[in-house]
Structures are given as structure tokens and as C-alpha cells.
Amino acid sequence: MTAKTSHHNGHQTGRILTATAMALVLGAGLSGCSTIQKINPLKKEEPKEVATQGERISIVAFEQKVQPSERLAGKDFYLPSPQPVADWPFASGPTTTVEHAAAAEQFKIAWSKSVGTGSSRTAQVVASPVSDGKVIYAMDGEARIRAFDVNSGNELWTRDLNPDIRRDKDAFGGGLAVSGGKLYVTSGFRLAAAVNASTGEVLWTKTFDSPLRAAPAVNGNVVVFSDVDNQMIALNKETGEPAWTYQALVEPARILRTTSPAIYENLFIAPFSSGELVGLDANSGQQVWTQTLAQSTRTNALSEIRDISGRPLVANNLVYAASHSGVFSALDAKSGQRRWSVNADSTNAPWVAGDAVYLSTLQSELMAANAASGQVYWLVDLNQGRTKTKKTFFGLGSAKKVKNLPVWTGPILASNRLIMVNSEGEMVAFDPKTGARKETLKLGDAAYLAPIVVGDKLFVLTDKAKLIAVQ
């Protein structure tokens, strides 16, 4: 079968930025944000120099800062009541938008299981778990997959998809999707596969020239995913044969964590490290619309990191997405026409519920904005109060920020809690109407992947490849 190909040519050179180079350019003023080794090193293809864990590199702080709207500040807004979530088949979530999940009401750990190899110098846990409602599937840092019963945590099967190829010894990335009784897998080992979701039996495999960084998504007859070179690849979901490809702008400076396309009707809404957000026809791969969520300024070299690494969210016929370079937008899902934009940078996915859209920024701030206008209701500092006292020469105490502040991922709205996880091994609940901190659950390990919802539980895959169910 001959693959249909849609090409989008041209790229800008000179964007390869290491953390060291940017520190030299921007100096000591880069202490307000969060670029971290575990989730988003700044890289060419295989990272050599990356920002250290907890290092904060501000993208928008020099020239603009999100502020609450004077008109909306302190005003109430509508949130829907909690509803059950039956499954979470894709990294981007269910095909029907989840606004407020009825889950984790007790806010305590139900069970915890090891998935395999955690993050290290040669492995990275970057794949979000997925579930068909009865079984939850998770992948460790070396492309080994385990399936667990959602309720009991009993292991049902395991499958090793690590090809053990010398050139891919340090490969990472990829993810999972479950659809029609099949589990689709991509990995940094240049491999895509379909396995029987009930037994783990391998149904087909395909190898590629480039590492696959993003989780797959399924729409119609195809399963799609992107490689490290910003090429979107579609395979026939039954046979694994090529269907079409789409080439976005090649972007050498990018984030480690890469997300899967969102699905809207017959479209894949695909994010790229170039800052492009593209609506692609699921059947042909033809571009229906495109927008670029990027800004570049003369005073801020970091805005050249344009990646959309947080999954786009579709709600009420709008697509919500944020880029690393400081653009958070709502777009019409059919046409791509921009409805509004605000200056907010993020590597996380937005969350829409009722009148509000929530986003956590690279400055470790959690914001609630009006979903229709983008105007901000409130903004809170997730690391507020995390300071230490250092004695001065005269013996007087002076407050000084902790060197490595925690990095936050989320949010997700469940049982009237706006929930975030962080690199200090905490799951923290905030009031969705005010942003006030409510309660904290200790996970025991750093978490860099947002929780997912299945039934009455939240599931978190930690950096040490531990799958934790919270009821």
C-alpha cells in the first residue's frame, strides 16, 4: 500500500538551545518558571545538556504577566456537578469531554503496583496510563507494558516490547491507546505495535527510522502518532499498514514530553514542537486548518522553544491549547479560527469545566479563566510559602526561596477538588472556585504525569514507575 503524503515545508534554523546556553543568555533572572529534566529537557535529538530538576526558566515574565480581570476577580462562576467517567482510552482522555469527574472522593490510596523500570539516565517514564474501564494499562521507562485490574490492582498480563537494539539503548518516549479490544503502543525504540488488550498477544509491529515520542490516538480506521522529526504518521489500525503522513515544521529545540492528538469528529487536532496546532482529516491526512501558538521577542530567546507539549483539550466545539513560548488560546475546532489568546506559557494540558478553564503555568501558577473570553478569575502561586531562612552576617533571618522548588502537573477536577501532582511526591487538592489549598496526599514518589480518571478512582504513574490508585 502506498502512503498518502501531505507536506508542510520549511523550517527556521538556529533554534537549538541548551539549558546552559540559555542560562548564559538570560542570566540569573530566570527563577520564576519550571523547565525540568524529567519532563522537558531542551534538546536536539538525544539530550546532552538539560535543565536540572526543579530549575525554573521564565518565558513570559520579562514582558507580560497574566493578571486577574478586574471585572471577574472575586466573582462566582458555574461548575457542573461531578459525573462518573467510564474509561480513559487515550492519553488525551475520553472521546467525550470530562468536565467534573466523580472520583477519589475519600482522597486516599486504594492500591499501588510497580510497573517496572523507573526513570534514570537511560530511561524515562513519560507515557500516561490508559484504560478501557475494566483494565488499566501502563508502560515503564523501557517499553514494558503491564495490565492491571482497575478495582483490585491485580496484574493480568505483562508484555516486553523493548527490542534491545544497541543504537536505541537510551531510547525513551511513546505511549498507549486502547480501542476496539486492542492496545496500541508507540515507543522511543522506533516501534509501533498493536496487542490484544485482554491477553497482551502481539498482533502486529512496525519499525521506523526515527524515535516515536508521542502516544497514539485512534479515529476512524487509523491509529496516528508523531515521531521526533514532527512527522504525523497514520497506520491502518487493523493491519499496521501505512495510510498517510503529514510533515510539520522541523523543530530541533523541543520538550522531552510529547503529547498525542486530540480528536474532534473526523479530525485529529495535532500539536507539534514548532508551535503549530493542525486539524488533520482522519481519512486522508489533509490539512483542514492550522494555527501557530508561538511568540518570539528580541529580549527573550526562550520564546524560541515553541513546543505544545501539553495535550490540547476539546470542549464545547473549541480547542484549548498552550505553548511553551507563552500563548494560551481557544480555537474553533472546525475552522481553527482563534477566539481568544492570553500570555500564558505551559507544558501542561488545560482543563475545562462549566464557565472555567484551568491551566498551570511554567511559573508554577494555577489559573482559572473564563472559558469563553480567556479573562482570568484568579491566579495562585502553587509554591507559596515554600521558603527557607538563611542567617545573615548580623545573625538576622532573611527569607530566601528554596533552590529547587517543586514542579507541578495537572490540573484535573474530581469530586469538587482541583487536583495537581508534583515532583515532591504530593497530590494536592485546591478549591476550584478560589484556588485555596485544601488537602495533601503523600504519594511517596515524584509525579510528572497528570492523573487520569477511571470509575471512582484517580490513577497516577510516578517517576519510579509505580501506579497508584486513589479512591
Protein backbone atom coordinates (compact mmCIF):
# COMPACT_ATOMS: atom_id res chain seq x y z
CA MET A 1 0.00 0.00 0.00
CA THR A 2 1.30 3.44 -0.88
CA ALA A 3 1.06 6.05 1.83
CA LYS A 4 -0.64 9.30 1.01
CA THR A 5 1.54 12.20 1.97
CA SER A 6 0.77 15.78 2.91
CA HIS A 7 3.82 18.06 3.31
CA HIS A 8 4.31 21.35 5.08
CA ASN A 9 7.77 22.57 4.11
CA GLY A 10 10.27 24.97 5.52
CA HIS A 11 11.85 25.45 8.91
CA GLN A 12 13.87 28.01 10.72
CA THR A 13 17.40 27.08 11.70
CA GLY A 14 19.37 28.14 14.71
CA ARG A 15 16.83 27.23 17.38
CA ILE A 16 18.89 24.55 19.08
CA LEU A 17 19.13 25.86 22.64
CA THR A 18 20.60 24.01 25.58
CA ALA A 19 19.83 24.91 29.16
CA THR A 20 23.41 26.03 29.61
CA ALA A 21 23.27 28.36 26.62
CA MET A 22 20.03 29.91 27.74
CA ALA A 23 21.32 30.43 31.24
CA LEU A 24 24.23 32.37 29.75
CA VAL A 25 21.88 34.47 27.64
CA LEU A 26 19.27 35.19 30.25
CA GLY A 27 21.33 35.11 33.42
CA ALA A 28 20.07 34.98 36.95
CA GLY A 29 16.64 36.42 36.20
CA LEU A 30 15.29 33.01 35.14
CA SER A 31 13.96 31.92 38.50
CA GLY A 32 10.22 32.20 38.02
CA CYS A 33 9.25 29.14 35.98
CA SER A 34 9.68 25.38 35.53
CA THR A 35 11.69 23.64 32.86
CA ILE A 36 12.85 20.31 34.25
CA GLN A 37 14.88 17.31 33.30
CA LYS A 38 12.21 14.69 33.90
CA ILE A 39 9.58 16.18 31.61
CA ASN A 40 11.01 18.71 29.26
CA PRO A 41 14.75 18.97 28.67
CA LEU A 42 15.64 21.29 25.84
CA LYS A 43 17.08 19.02 23.26
CA LYS A 44 18.20 18.32 19.76
CA GLU A 45 17.53 14.59 19.25
CA GLU A 46 19.28 12.92 22.16
CA PRO A 47 19.67 15.33 25.09
CA LYS A 48 23.17 16.05 26.32
CA GLU A 49 22.66 19.16 28.42
CA VAL A 50 19.32 19.73 30.08
CA ALA A 51 17.86 21.99 32.70
CA THR A 52 18.30 20.50 36.15
CA GLN A 53 15.31 19.12 38.01
CA GLY A 54 13.37 21.97 39.58
CA GLU A 55 15.20 24.69 37.63
CA ARG A 56 12.80 27.44 36.62
CA ILE A 57 13.18 29.25 33.33
CA SER A 58 10.67 32.01 32.71
CA ILE A 59 9.27 32.52 29.24
CA VAL A 60 6.83 35.42 29.63
CA ALA A 61 7.86 37.04 32.91
CA PHE A 62 10.10 39.66 31.30
CA GLU A 63 7.44 41.41 29.24
CA GLN A 64 3.99 40.38 30.40
CA LYS A 65 2.33 38.57 33.25
CA VAL A 66 -1.15 37.12 33.48
CA GLN A 67 -3.31 39.14 35.87
CA PRO A 68 -6.84 38.52 37.18
CA SER A 69 -9.51 40.54 35.40
CA GLU A 70 -10.79 43.47 37.45
CA ARG A 71 -14.27 42.70 36.17
CA LEU A 72 -14.17 38.99 37.07
CA ALA A 73 -11.95 38.96 40.17
CA GLY A 74 -13.85 37.56 43.14
CA LYS A 75 -16.94 36.67 41.11
CA ASP A 76 -18.55 33.24 41.27
CA PHE A 77 -18.83 31.02 38.20
CA TYR A 78 -20.70 27.88 37.19
CA LEU A 79 -19.19 24.41 37.63
CA PRO A 80 -21.12 21.26 36.69
CA SER A 81 -21.75 18.55 39.26
CA PRO A 82 -19.42 15.51 39.37
CA GLN A 83 -20.21 12.75 36.86
CA PRO A 84 -18.75 9.22 36.53
CA VAL A 85 -16.04 8.59 33.94
CA ALA A 86 -16.29 5.12 32.43
CA ASP A 87 -12.91 4.92 30.69
CA TRP A 88 -9.78 6.83 29.65
CA PRO A 89 -8.75 5.25 26.34
CA PHE A 90 -6.26 7.84 25.06
CA ALA A 91 -3.55 9.98 26.60
CA SER A 92 -5.78 12.92 25.64
CA GLY A 93 -8.65 11.38 27.62
CA PRO A 94 -12.10 10.05 26.70
CA THR A 95 -13.73 10.91 23.38
CA THR A 96 -16.47 12.70 25.36
CA THR A 97 -15.20 15.71 27.28
CA VAL A 98 -14.82 15.19 31.01
CA GLU A 99 -15.58 18.37 32.95
CA HIS A 100 -16.00 17.23 36.55
CA ALA A 101 -15.24 13.62 37.49
CA ALA A 102 -16.91 11.76 40.33
CA ALA A 103 -13.73 10.13 41.61
CA ALA A 104 -11.32 9.98 44.56
CA GLU A 105 -13.97 11.20 46.99
CA GLN A 106 -12.14 9.74 50.00
CA PHE A 107 -8.81 11.12 48.74
CA LYS A 108 -6.76 8.16 49.96
CA ILE A 109 -4.61 5.49 48.32
CA ALA A 110 -6.52 2.32 47.40
CA TRP A 111 -3.61 0.33 45.96
CA SER A 112 -0.15 0.72 44.45
CA LYS A 113 1.72 -1.52 42.00
CA SER A 114 5.11 -1.45 40.31
CA VAL A 115 5.01 -1.18 36.53
CA GLY A 116 8.72 -1.90 36.03
CA THR A 117 11.72 0.33 35.36
CA GLY A 118 11.52 3.92 36.54
CA SER A 119 13.30 7.00 35.23
CA SER A 120 17.10 7.07 35.16
CA ARG A 121 19.90 8.31 32.92
CA THR A 122 18.88 5.76 30.28
CA ALA A 123 15.11 5.55 30.82
CA GLN A 124 12.24 7.98 31.23
CA VAL A 125 8.69 7.30 32.39
CA VAL A 126 6.71 9.59 30.07
CA ALA A 127 3.68 7.53 28.95
CA SER A 128 0.32 8.26 30.57
CA PRO A 129 -1.72 5.19 31.59
CA VAL A 130 -4.91 4.40 29.65
CA SER A 131 -7.94 2.28 30.47
CA ASP A 132 -10.94 0.63 28.82
CA GLY A 133 -12.83 0.87 32.11
CA LYS A 134 -12.02 -2.61 33.42
CA VAL A 135 -8.27 -2.80 32.88
CA ILE A 136 -5.64 -0.10 33.25
CA TYR A 137 -2.51 -0.29 31.10
CA ALA A 138 0.81 1.34 31.95
CA MET A 139 4.26 1.42 30.35
CA ASP A 140 7.56 1.73 32.19
CA GLY A 141 10.71 3.55 31.10
CA GLU A 142 11.87 0.69 28.85
CA ALA A 143 8.71 -0.04 26.82
CA ARG A 144 7.48 -2.84 29.05
CA ILE A 145 3.71 -2.90 29.49
CA ARG A 146 1.61 -4.21 32.34
CA ALA A 147 -2.16 -4.59 32.62
CA PHE A 148 -3.93 -4.36 35.98
CA ASP A 149 -7.49 -4.84 37.14
CA VAL A 150 -8.88 -1.34 37.78
CA ASN A 151 -10.61 -2.26 41.04
CA SER A 152 -8.24 -4.73 42.72
CA GLY A 153 -4.87 -3.82 41.19
CA ASN A 154 -4.22 -7.48 40.34
CA GLU A 155 -1.75 -7.85 37.48
CA LEU A 156 -3.39 -9.52 34.47
CA TRP A 157 -0.51 -9.72 31.99
CA THR A 158 2.81 -8.18 31.02
CA ARG A 159 4.48 -7.69 27.65
CA ASP A 160 8.04 -6.59 26.86
CA LEU A 161 8.23 -4.51 23.66
CA ASN A 162 11.85 -3.45 24.14
CA PRO A 163 13.70 -4.66 21.01
CA ASP A 164 17.05 -4.46 22.85
CA ILE A 165 18.80 -2.77 19.92
CA ARG A 166 22.19 -1.28 20.70
CA ARG A 167 21.55 2.02 18.86
CA ASP A 168 18.38 2.56 20.90
CA LYS A 169 19.86 1.69 24.27
CA ASP A 170 18.86 5.07 25.71
CA ALA A 171 15.55 5.48 23.87
CA PHE A 172 12.54 6.98 25.59
CA GLY A 173 9.09 8.32 24.80
CA GLY A 174 5.93 6.98 23.23
CA GLY A 175 2.69 5.95 24.85
CA LEU A 176 -0.52 3.93 24.78
CA ALA A 177 -4.09 3.96 23.44
CA VAL A 178 -6.82 1.36 23.80
CA SER A 179 -9.64 0.93 21.29
CA GLY A 180 -11.77 -1.93 20.00
CA GLY A 181 -10.11 -4.57 22.15
CA LYS A 182 -6.61 -3.61 21.02
CA LEU A 183 -3.86 -1.76 22.87
CA TYR A 184 -1.79 0.43 20.55
CA VAL A 185 1.79 1.17 21.58
CA THR A 186 4.47 3.58 20.42
CA SER A 187 7.98 3.86 21.83
CA GLY A 188 11.27 5.69 21.50
CA PHE A 189 12.68 2.38 20.25
CA ARG A 190 11.31 3.32 16.80
CA LEU A 191 8.49 0.84 17.21
CA ALA A 192 4.70 0.88 16.91
CA ALA A 193 2.59 -2.16 17.78
CA ALA A 194 -0.91 -3.45 18.38
CA VAL A 195 -1.52 -6.07 21.06
CA ASN A 196 -4.58 -7.92 22.25
CA ALA A 197 -5.89 -5.82 25.15
CA SER A 198 -7.12 -8.91 27.01
CA THR A 199 -4.05 -11.14 26.68
CA GLY A 200 -1.09 -8.98 25.63
CA GLU A 201 -0.58 -11.05 22.47
CA VAL A 202 1.26 -9.02 19.81
CA LEU A 203 -0.93 -8.59 16.71
CA TRP A 204 1.39 -6.50 14.53
CA THR A 205 4.52 -4.36 14.81
CA LYS A 206 6.09 -1.69 12.63
CA THR A 207 9.56 -0.16 12.86
CA PHE A 208 10.58 3.36 11.81
CA ASP A 209 13.69 5.38 11.07
CA SER A 210 13.04 7.94 13.82
CA PRO A 211 12.10 7.54 17.50
CA LEU A 212 8.39 7.84 18.26
CA ARG A 213 7.85 10.34 21.06
CA ALA A 214 4.06 10.77 21.28
CA ALA A 215 1.28 8.46 22.42
CA PRO A 216 -1.05 7.17 19.68
CA ALA A 217 -4.67 8.14 19.10
CA VAL A 218 -7.37 6.31 17.14
CA ASN A 219 -10.05 7.86 14.92
CA GLY A 220 -11.94 6.02 12.20
CA ASN A 221 -9.77 3.34 10.60
CA VAL A 222 -6.38 4.73 11.56
CA VAL A 223 -4.06 5.00 14.52
CA VAL A 224 -1.83 8.10 14.45
CA PHE A 225 1.27 9.31 16.30
CA SER A 226 4.22 11.62 15.73
CA ASP A 227 7.93 10.98 15.56
CA VAL A 228 10.82 13.10 16.82
CA ASP A 229 11.00 14.92 13.47
CA ASN A 230 7.46 16.33 13.73
CA GLN A 231 6.03 13.87 11.23
CA MET A 232 2.50 12.66 11.94
CA ILE A 233 2.15 9.03 10.88
CA ALA A 234 -1.12 7.17 10.30
CA LEU A 235 -1.37 3.38 10.09
CA ASN A 236 -4.32 1.15 9.38
CA LYS A 237 -5.41 0.17 12.88
CA GLU A 238 -6.18 -3.45 11.88
CA THR A 239 -3.07 -4.27 9.84
CA GLY A 240 -0.45 -1.65 10.70
CA GLU A 241 -0.03 -0.80 7.02
CA PRO A 242 0.79 2.85 6.12
CA ALA A 243 -2.20 5.13 5.49
CA TRP A 244 -0.80 8.68 5.31
CA THR A 245 1.79 11.04 6.74
CA TYR A 246 1.88 14.76 7.46
CA GLN A 247 5.11 16.72 7.89
CA ALA A 248 5.05 19.77 10.15
CA LEU A 249 7.90 22.25 10.54
CA VAL A 250 11.04 20.52 11.77
CA GLU A 251 11.94 21.94 15.18
CA PRO A 252 15.27 20.84 16.73
CA ALA A 253 14.69 22.64 20.05
CA ARG A 254 11.88 20.81 21.80
CA ILE A 255 10.49 19.39 25.04
CA LEU A 256 11.04 15.79 26.09
CA ARG A 257 7.37 15.18 26.85
CA THR A 258 5.28 14.95 23.67
CA THR A 259 1.53 14.60 23.59
CA SER A 260 -0.96 12.85 21.34
CA PRO A 261 -3.53 14.50 19.03
CA ALA A 262 -6.96 15.39 20.32
CA ILE A 263 -9.99 14.06 18.45
CA TYR A 264 -12.90 16.12 17.17
CA GLU A 265 -15.41 14.50 14.83
CA ASN A 266 -13.38 13.35 11.79
CA LEU A 267 -10.33 15.42 12.72
CA PHE A 268 -7.09 14.76 14.53
CA ILE A 269 -6.04 18.03 16.17
CA ALA A 270 -2.29 17.58 16.24
CA PRO A 271 0.20 19.60 18.33
CA PHE A 272 3.83 19.96 17.26
CA SER A 273 7.07 21.21 18.78
CA SER A 274 7.07 24.01 16.17
CA GLY A 275 4.11 25.58 17.99
CA GLU A 276 1.80 24.53 15.17
CA LEU A 277 -1.64 23.17 16.01
CA VAL A 278 -3.11 21.48 12.95
CA GLY A 279 -6.51 20.00 12.18
CA LEU A 280 -5.97 16.92 10.00
CA ASP A 281 -8.63 14.91 8.19
CA ALA A 282 -8.59 11.44 9.76
CA ASN A 283 -9.18 9.65 6.45
CA SER A 284 -6.71 11.44 4.18
CA GLY A 285 -4.29 13.32 6.42
CA GLN A 286 -5.06 16.53 4.53
CA GLN A 287 -4.66 19.76 6.46
CA VAL A 288 -8.05 21.30 7.25
CA TRP A 289 -6.71 24.21 9.29
CA THR A 290 -3.57 25.35 11.05
CA GLN A 291 -2.66 27.86 13.76
CA THR A 292 0.67 28.71 15.37
CA LEU A 293 0.76 29.24 19.13
CA ALA A 294 4.12 30.95 19.36
CA GLN A 295 5.63 34.30 20.01
CA SER A 296 9.19 35.47 19.60
CA THR A 297 10.70 38.57 21.17
CA ARG A 298 14.02 40.32 20.86
CA THR A 299 14.63 40.14 24.60
CA ASN A 300 13.61 36.54 25.22
CA ALA A 301 15.48 33.73 23.47
CA LEU A 302 13.44 31.13 25.34
CA SER A 303 10.33 32.03 23.37
CA GLU A 304 12.05 30.13 20.55
CA ILE A 305 11.08 26.93 22.38
CA ARG A 306 7.63 26.78 20.79
CA ASP A 307 6.53 23.29 21.79
CA ILE A 308 2.90 22.41 22.51
CA SER A 309 3.70 19.54 24.86
CA GLY A 310 0.51 19.63 26.94
CA ARG A 311 -2.37 17.80 25.27
CA PRO A 312 -4.95 20.01 23.51
CA LEU A 313 -8.42 19.84 25.02
CA VAL A 314 -11.66 19.91 23.03
CA ALA A 315 -14.78 21.20 24.80
CA ASN A 316 -17.93 22.90 23.51
CA ASN A 317 -16.60 22.89 19.91
CA LEU A 318 -13.47 24.76 20.98
CA VAL A 319 -9.86 23.59 21.19
CA TYR A 320 -7.86 24.85 24.17
CA ALA A 321 -4.06 24.60 23.98
CA ALA A 322 -0.97 26.31 25.42
CA SER A 323 2.60 26.52 24.16
CA HIS A 324 5.96 26.76 25.88
CA SER A 325 6.57 30.13 24.22
CA GLY A 326 3.74 31.88 26.04
CA VAL A 327 0.50 31.58 24.05
CA PHE A 328 -2.66 30.06 25.54
CA SER A 329 -5.55 30.05 23.08
CA ALA A 330 -9.07 28.88 22.40
CA LEU A 331 -9.74 27.99 18.77
CA ASP A 332 -12.82 26.96 16.83
CA ALA A 333 -12.46 23.18 16.46
CA LYS A 334 -13.87 23.08 12.90
CA SER A 335 -12.09 26.04 11.36
CA GLY A 336 -9.15 26.74 13.65
CA GLN A 337 -10.23 30.36 13.95
CA ARG A 338 -8.82 31.90 17.10
CA ARG A 339 -11.42 33.02 19.66
CA TRP A 340 -9.03 34.40 22.27
CA SER A 341 -5.43 34.26 23.45
CA VAL A 342 -3.64 35.16 26.67
CA ASN A 343 0.05 35.40 27.50
CA ALA A 344 0.49 32.19 29.49
CA ASP A 345 3.17 29.54 28.97
CA SER A 346 2.67 25.91 29.92
CA THR A 347 3.72 22.34 29.27
CA ASN A 348 0.50 21.04 30.83
CA ALA A 349 -2.97 20.38 29.45
CA PRO A 350 -5.83 22.79 30.16
CA TRP A 351 -8.97 21.55 31.93
CA VAL A 352 -12.41 22.95 31.08
CA ALA A 353 -15.38 22.74 33.47
CA GLY A 354 -18.53 24.83 33.09
CA ASP A 355 -17.62 28.51 32.80
CA ALA A 356 -13.96 27.97 33.68
CA VAL A 357 -10.80 26.76 32.01
CA TYR A 358 -7.89 25.90 34.32
CA LEU A 359 -4.19 25.94 33.43
CA SER A 360 -0.96 25.59 35.39
CA THR A 361 1.85 27.74 34.02
CA LEU A 362 5.62 27.48 33.88
CA GLN A 363 5.79 29.97 36.73
CA SER A 364 4.12 27.32 38.95
CA GLU A 365 0.92 29.32 38.99
CA LEU A 366 -2.56 27.85 38.77
CA MET A 367 -5.08 30.00 36.96
CA ALA A 368 -8.82 29.89 36.39
CA ALA A 369 -10.04 31.82 33.35
CA ASN A 370 -13.40 32.30 31.70
CA ALA A 371 -13.68 29.59 29.05
CA ALA A 372 -15.49 31.88 26.62
CA SER A 373 -13.31 35.01 26.90
CA GLY A 374 -9.97 33.99 28.45
CA GLN A 375 -10.32 36.65 31.16
CA VAL A 376 -8.84 35.44 34.44
CA TYR A 377 -10.93 34.81 37.57
CA TRP A 378 -7.98 34.06 39.86
CA LEU A 379 -4.32 33.14 39.90
CA VAL A 380 -2.47 31.39 42.74
CA ASP A 381 1.18 30.56 43.39
CA LEU A 382 1.45 26.78 43.80
CA ASN A 383 4.75 27.17 45.66
CA GLN A 384 3.56 29.89 48.01
CA GLY A 385 5.16 29.58 51.45
CA ARG A 386 7.90 27.23 50.28
CA THR A 387 10.81 29.30 51.60
CA LYS A 388 13.73 28.74 53.89
CA THR A 389 15.50 31.14 56.25
CA LYS A 390 19.19 31.85 55.84
CA LYS A 391 21.19 33.61 58.57
CA THR A 392 22.86 36.87 57.58
CA PHE A 393 26.23 38.12 58.79
CA PHE A 394 24.48 40.02 61.58
CA GLY A 395 22.52 36.97 62.72
CA LEU A 396 19.21 38.20 61.37
CA GLY A 397 16.95 35.84 59.43
CA SER A 398 16.13 36.64 55.84
CA ALA A 399 13.69 34.68 53.72
CA LYS A 400 15.18 33.03 50.68
CA LYS A 401 13.42 30.83 48.16
CA VAL A 402 14.24 27.14 48.12
CA LYS A 403 16.69 26.43 45.32
CA ASN A 404 14.71 23.59 43.74
CA LEU A 405 11.02 24.31 44.09
CA PRO A 406 8.61 21.52 43.18
CA VAL A 407 7.38 21.15 39.62
CA TRP A 408 3.62 20.73 39.17
CA THR A 409 1.49 18.74 36.72
CA GLY A 410 -2.25 18.90 36.14
CA PRO A 411 -4.88 20.02 36.92
CA ILE A 412 -7.85 17.64 36.92
CA LEU A 413 -11.24 18.35 38.54
CA ALA A 414 -12.65 15.49 40.62
CA SER A 415 -15.22 15.47 43.44
CA ASN A 416 -15.07 19.25 43.95
CA ARG A 417 -11.27 19.23 44.15
CA LEU A 418 -8.92 20.76 41.62
CA ILE A 419 -6.07 18.27 41.80
CA MET A 420 -2.39 18.69 40.98
CA VAL A 421 0.62 16.41 41.49
CA ASN A 422 4.23 17.49 41.95
CA SER A 423 7.87 16.46 41.94
CA GLU A 424 7.92 16.21 45.75
CA GLY A 425 5.56 13.24 45.64
CA GLU A 426 2.40 15.09 46.60
CA MET A 427 -1.15 15.06 45.28
CA VAL A 428 -2.65 18.39 46.31
CA ALA A 429 -6.30 19.45 46.20
CA PHE A 430 -7.32 23.07 45.64
CA ASP A 431 -10.70 24.78 45.83
CA PRO A 432 -11.91 25.06 42.20
CA LYS A 433 -13.75 28.32 42.92
CA THR A 434 -10.97 30.19 44.75
CA GLY A 435 -7.70 28.29 44.27
CA ALA A 436 -7.29 27.90 48.04
CA ARG A 437 -5.26 24.86 49.07
CA LYS A 438 -7.48 22.23 50.73
CA GLU A 439 -5.59 18.98 51.43
CA THR A 440 -2.49 16.98 50.54
CA LEU A 441 -1.96 13.28 49.91
CA LYS A 442 1.56 11.85 50.07
CA LEU A 443 2.34 9.61 47.09
CA GLY A 444 5.85 8.68 48.20
CA ASP A 445 7.44 9.41 44.82
CA ALA A 446 7.77 12.27 42.36
CA ALA A 447 4.94 12.54 39.85
CA TYR A 448 5.41 14.26 36.49
CA LEU A 449 2.35 12.85 34.67
CA ALA A 450 -1.15 14.18 35.26
CA PRO A 451 -3.63 11.79 36.90
CA ILE A 452 -6.27 10.03 34.82
CA VAL A 453 -9.82 9.09 35.90
CA VAL A 454 -11.43 5.65 35.65
CA GLY A 455 -14.61 4.86 37.56
CA ASP A 456 -14.37 6.11 41.15
CA LYS A 457 -10.56 6.33 41.16
CA LEU A 458 -7.74 8.59 40.06
CA PHE A 459 -4.59 6.85 38.77
CA VAL A 460 -1.09 8.32 38.89
CA LEU A 461 2.04 6.82 37.34
CA THR A 462 5.06 8.08 39.27
CA ASP A 463 8.61 8.67 38.14
CA LYS A 464 9.69 5.35 39.67
CA ALA A 465 7.07 3.56 37.55
CA LYS A 466 4.67 2.99 40.43
CA LEU A 467 0.98 3.00 39.51
CA ILE A 468 -1.09 4.45 42.37
CA ALA A 469 -4.88 4.25 42.58
CA VAL A 470 -6.56 6.96 44.68
CA GLN A 471 -10.12 6.39 45.81
